[in-house]
Protein backbone atom coordinates (compact mmCIF):
# COMPACT_ATOMS: atom_id res chain seq x y z
CA MET A 1 0.00 0.00 0.00
CA THR A 2 1.38 3.40 -0.94
CA LEU A 3 1.42 6.47 1.27
CA GLN A 4 -1.06 8.18 -1.05
CA LYS A 5 -3.52 5.28 -0.68
CA VAL A 6 -3.20 5.51 3.10
CA ILE A 7 -3.81 9.27 2.99
CA ASP A 8 -6.83 8.79 0.75
CA SER A 9 -8.21 6.18 3.16
CA VAL A 10 -7.61 8.37 6.20
CA LYS A 11 -9.45 11.25 4.57
CA GLN A 12 -12.55 9.07 4.44
CA LEU A 13 -12.54 8.57 8.22
CA SER A 14 -14.71 10.58 10.53
CA THR A 15 -13.07 13.37 12.48
CA ILE A 16 -13.11 11.37 15.70
CA ASP A 17 -11.51 8.37 13.96
CA LYS A 18 -8.81 10.66 12.54
CA LEU A 19 -8.10 11.86 16.07
CA ARG A 20 -7.94 8.28 17.33
CA LEU A 21 -5.53 7.42 14.56
CA ILE A 22 -3.29 10.32 15.52
CA GLN A 23 -3.41 9.28 19.19
CA GLU A 24 -2.45 5.76 18.18
CA ILE A 25 0.43 6.80 15.93
CA ILE A 26 2.05 9.56 18.02
CA PRO A 27 3.62 7.20 20.61
CA ASP A 28 5.18 5.16 17.79
CA ILE A 29 6.64 8.29 16.20
CA GLU A 30 7.96 9.55 19.54
CA ARG A 31 9.55 6.18 20.27
CA GLU A 32 11.21 6.06 16.85
CA LEU A 33 12.55 9.59 17.24
CA LEU A 34 13.99 8.79 20.66
CA ASP A 35 15.49 5.48 19.52
CA LYS A 36 17.31 6.98 16.54
CA PRO A 37 19.61 9.80 17.57
CA THR A 38 20.01 12.15 14.66
CA GLN A 39 23.45 12.82 13.33
CA ARG A 40 24.00 16.52 13.28
CA LYS A 41 26.58 18.22 11.17
CA SER A 42 29.17 20.23 12.95
CA LEU A 43 28.61 23.96 12.84
CA TRP A 44 32.32 24.44 12.26
CA GLY A 45 32.75 25.50 8.69
CA LEU A 46 29.13 26.52 8.35
CA CYS A 47 30.22 29.82 6.80
CA ALA A 48 33.31 28.44 5.04
CA HIS A 49 31.93 29.45 1.65
CA LEU A 50 31.92 33.10 2.72
CA GLU A 51 34.91 35.39 2.44
CA GLN A 52 37.26 35.88 5.33
CA ALA A 53 35.78 38.05 8.06
CA PRO A 54 37.02 41.64 8.15
CA ASP A 55 39.65 42.41 10.76
CA SER A 56 39.27 45.14 13.35
CA ILE A 57 41.16 47.69 11.22
CA LYS A 58 38.72 47.28 8.31
CA ILE A 59 35.77 47.50 10.69
CA ASP A 60 37.14 50.69 12.26
CA THR A 61 37.80 52.20 8.82
CA ILE A 62 34.28 51.46 7.60
CA SER A 63 32.81 52.79 10.86
CA GLN A 64 34.74 56.03 10.51
CA ASP A 65 33.65 56.42 6.87
CA ASN A 66 30.00 56.13 7.88
CA ILE A 67 30.16 58.86 10.52
C-alpha cells in the first residue's frame, strides 16, 4: 500500500476516527525519534563558503567612513 492510498483512506474517516488514529500513531513516532539519535553536522565550517571576516582595522575604517 502506498502512502497516497493511506492518505486517501484516512481522509474518508470521521473526524473522531482521525483523532484516534493520531493518538495511536504519536507514541510510535515519539519512540522512533527517541530510539534513533540524529546525526548533526558540525557547525564548524558553516560559513566556510563566505569570504574571510574583516579584521578590526577594516571595521574601524568602515565605521569612521559612515560617521
